[in-house]
């Protein structure tokens, strides 16, 4: 299987994408500052990031996608085991669960007070 090493930082990119999208969406639908006023919205952002992270992990396992990206970027993908992809010393495959639990905890904390 062809895998690039060091792509764990894309977990942070996925979180940023989820944050920008959800903040824009909630502020557009309701009022400017709605996202900042409600903590549960941050929890939903982490849950959305966990779903996006699942798609990201699926994508890095697909050899066709990696070959396509290598052609586009004119780079050489390396043959390395899947376990080398980490973000903050945690394997990338665990981040969807971590993000989901963190987001669910924030939502439960905000909605029960």
Protein backbone atom coordinates (compact mmCIF):
# COMPACT_ATOMS: atom_id res chain seq x y z
CA UNK A 1 0.00 0.00 0.00
CA UNK A 2 1.32 3.47 -0.85
CA UNK A 3 1.17 5.87 2.08
CA UNK A 4 2.82 9.25 2.63
CA UNK A 5 4.47 9.75 5.97
CA UNK A 6 3.72 12.72 8.14
CA UNK A 7 0.17 13.44 7.03
CA UNK A 8 -1.19 13.48 10.57
CA UNK A 9 -1.22 17.27 10.56
CA UNK A 10 -4.23 17.05 8.25
CA UNK A 11 -6.29 16.26 11.37
CA UNK A 12 -5.74 19.88 12.40
CA UNK A 13 -6.70 21.00 8.90
CA UNK A 14 -9.92 18.98 9.11
CA UNK A 15 -10.75 20.57 12.48
CA UNK A 16 -10.15 24.04 11.04
CA UNK A 17 -12.33 23.32 8.02
CA UNK A 18 -15.16 22.10 10.27
CA UNK A 19 -14.81 25.17 12.49
CA UNK A 20 -14.88 27.68 9.64
CA UNK A 21 -17.78 25.94 7.90
CA UNK A 22 -19.95 25.55 11.00
CA UNK A 23 -19.22 29.04 12.35
CA UNK A 24 -20.09 30.56 9.00
CA UNK A 25 -23.24 28.44 8.69
CA UNK A 26 -24.62 29.23 12.16
CA UNK A 27 -23.78 32.92 11.97
CA UNK A 28 -25.41 33.08 8.54
CA UNK A 29 -28.58 31.23 9.57
CA UNK A 30 -29.23 32.97 12.88
CA UNK A 31 -27.24 36.10 13.74
CA UNK A 32 -23.66 37.26 13.77
CA UNK A 33 -22.03 35.97 16.96
CA UNK A 34 -24.41 33.02 17.45
CA UNK A 35 -21.55 30.51 17.29
CA UNK A 36 -19.56 32.34 19.98
CA UNK A 37 -22.61 32.67 22.23
CA UNK A 38 -23.40 28.95 22.36
CA UNK A 39 -20.88 26.37 23.56
CA UNK A 40 -22.84 23.45 22.10
CA UNK A 41 -21.98 24.78 18.64
CA UNK A 42 -18.30 24.12 19.39
CA UNK A 43 -19.21 20.56 20.36
CA UNK A 44 -21.06 20.06 17.08
CA UNK A 45 -17.97 21.39 15.30
CA UNK A 46 -15.85 18.64 16.86
CA UNK A 47 -18.45 16.03 15.92
CA UNK A 48 -18.44 17.31 12.32
CA UNK A 49 -14.62 17.20 12.38
CA UNK A 50 -14.77 13.56 13.50
CA UNK A 51 -16.98 12.69 10.52
CA UNK A 52 -14.62 14.53 8.15
CA UNK A 53 -11.69 12.73 9.78
CA UNK A 54 -13.32 9.38 9.01
CA UNK A 55 -13.50 10.34 5.33
CA UNK A 56 -9.86 11.50 5.48
CA UNK A 57 -8.72 8.18 6.96
CA UNK A 58 -10.67 6.31 4.31
CA UNK A 59 -9.02 8.44 1.62
CA UNK A 60 -5.47 7.79 2.83
CA UNK A 61 -6.12 4.06 2.66
CA UNK A 62 -7.11 4.22 -1.01
CA UNK A 63 -4.16 3.61 -3.31
CA UNK A 64 -5.87 5.18 -6.33
CA UNK A 65 -6.41 8.46 -4.50
CA UNK A 66 -2.81 8.56 -3.32
CA UNK A 67 -1.46 7.88 -6.81
CA UNK A 68 -3.73 10.62 -8.21
CA UNK A 69 -2.49 13.09 -5.57
CA UNK A 70 1.11 12.14 -6.29
CA UNK A 71 0.59 12.88 -9.99
CA UNK A 72 -1.05 16.23 -9.28
CA UNK A 73 1.62 17.39 -6.84
CA UNK A 74 4.57 15.84 -8.72
CA UNK A 75 5.70 14.13 -5.53
CA UNK A 76 6.90 10.64 -4.76
CA UNK A 77 4.69 8.68 -2.33
CA UNK A 78 6.66 6.46 0.02
CA UNK A 79 6.02 2.88 1.01
CA UNK A 80 5.52 3.00 4.76
CA UNK A 81 3.19 1.30 7.19
CA UNK A 82 -0.09 2.97 8.05
CA UNK A 83 0.90 3.22 11.72
CA UNK A 84 3.40 6.02 11.04
CA UNK A 85 0.69 8.65 10.65
CA UNK A 86 0.34 10.42 13.97
CA UNK A 87 -0.93 13.73 15.28
CA UNK A 88 0.32 14.68 18.76
CA UNK A 89 1.81 11.17 19.09
CA UNK A 90 -1.65 9.59 18.67
CA UNK A 91 -2.28 7.48 15.55
CA UNK A 92 -4.59 9.19 13.06
CA UNK A 93 -7.05 6.31 13.12
CA UNK A 94 -8.00 7.17 16.75
CA UNK A 95 -8.72 10.85 16.14
CA UNK A 96 -12.33 10.45 14.90
CA UNK A 97 -13.25 8.77 18.20
CA UNK A 98 -11.35 11.36 20.26
CA UNK A 99 -12.98 14.25 18.41
CA UNK A 100 -16.44 12.70 18.68
CA UNK A 101 -16.13 12.07 22.43
CA UNK A 102 -14.73 15.54 23.04
CA UNK A 103 -17.53 17.16 21.01
CA UNK A 104 -20.24 15.05 22.63
CA UNK A 105 -18.86 15.94 26.07
CA UNK A 106 -18.97 19.65 25.27
CA UNK A 107 -22.54 19.38 23.96
CA UNK A 108 -23.73 17.41 26.97
CA UNK A 109 -22.02 19.81 29.38
CA UNK A 110 -23.53 22.90 27.73
CA UNK A 111 -27.01 21.51 27.22
CA UNK A 112 -27.38 20.15 30.78
CA UNK A 113 -26.48 23.33 32.63
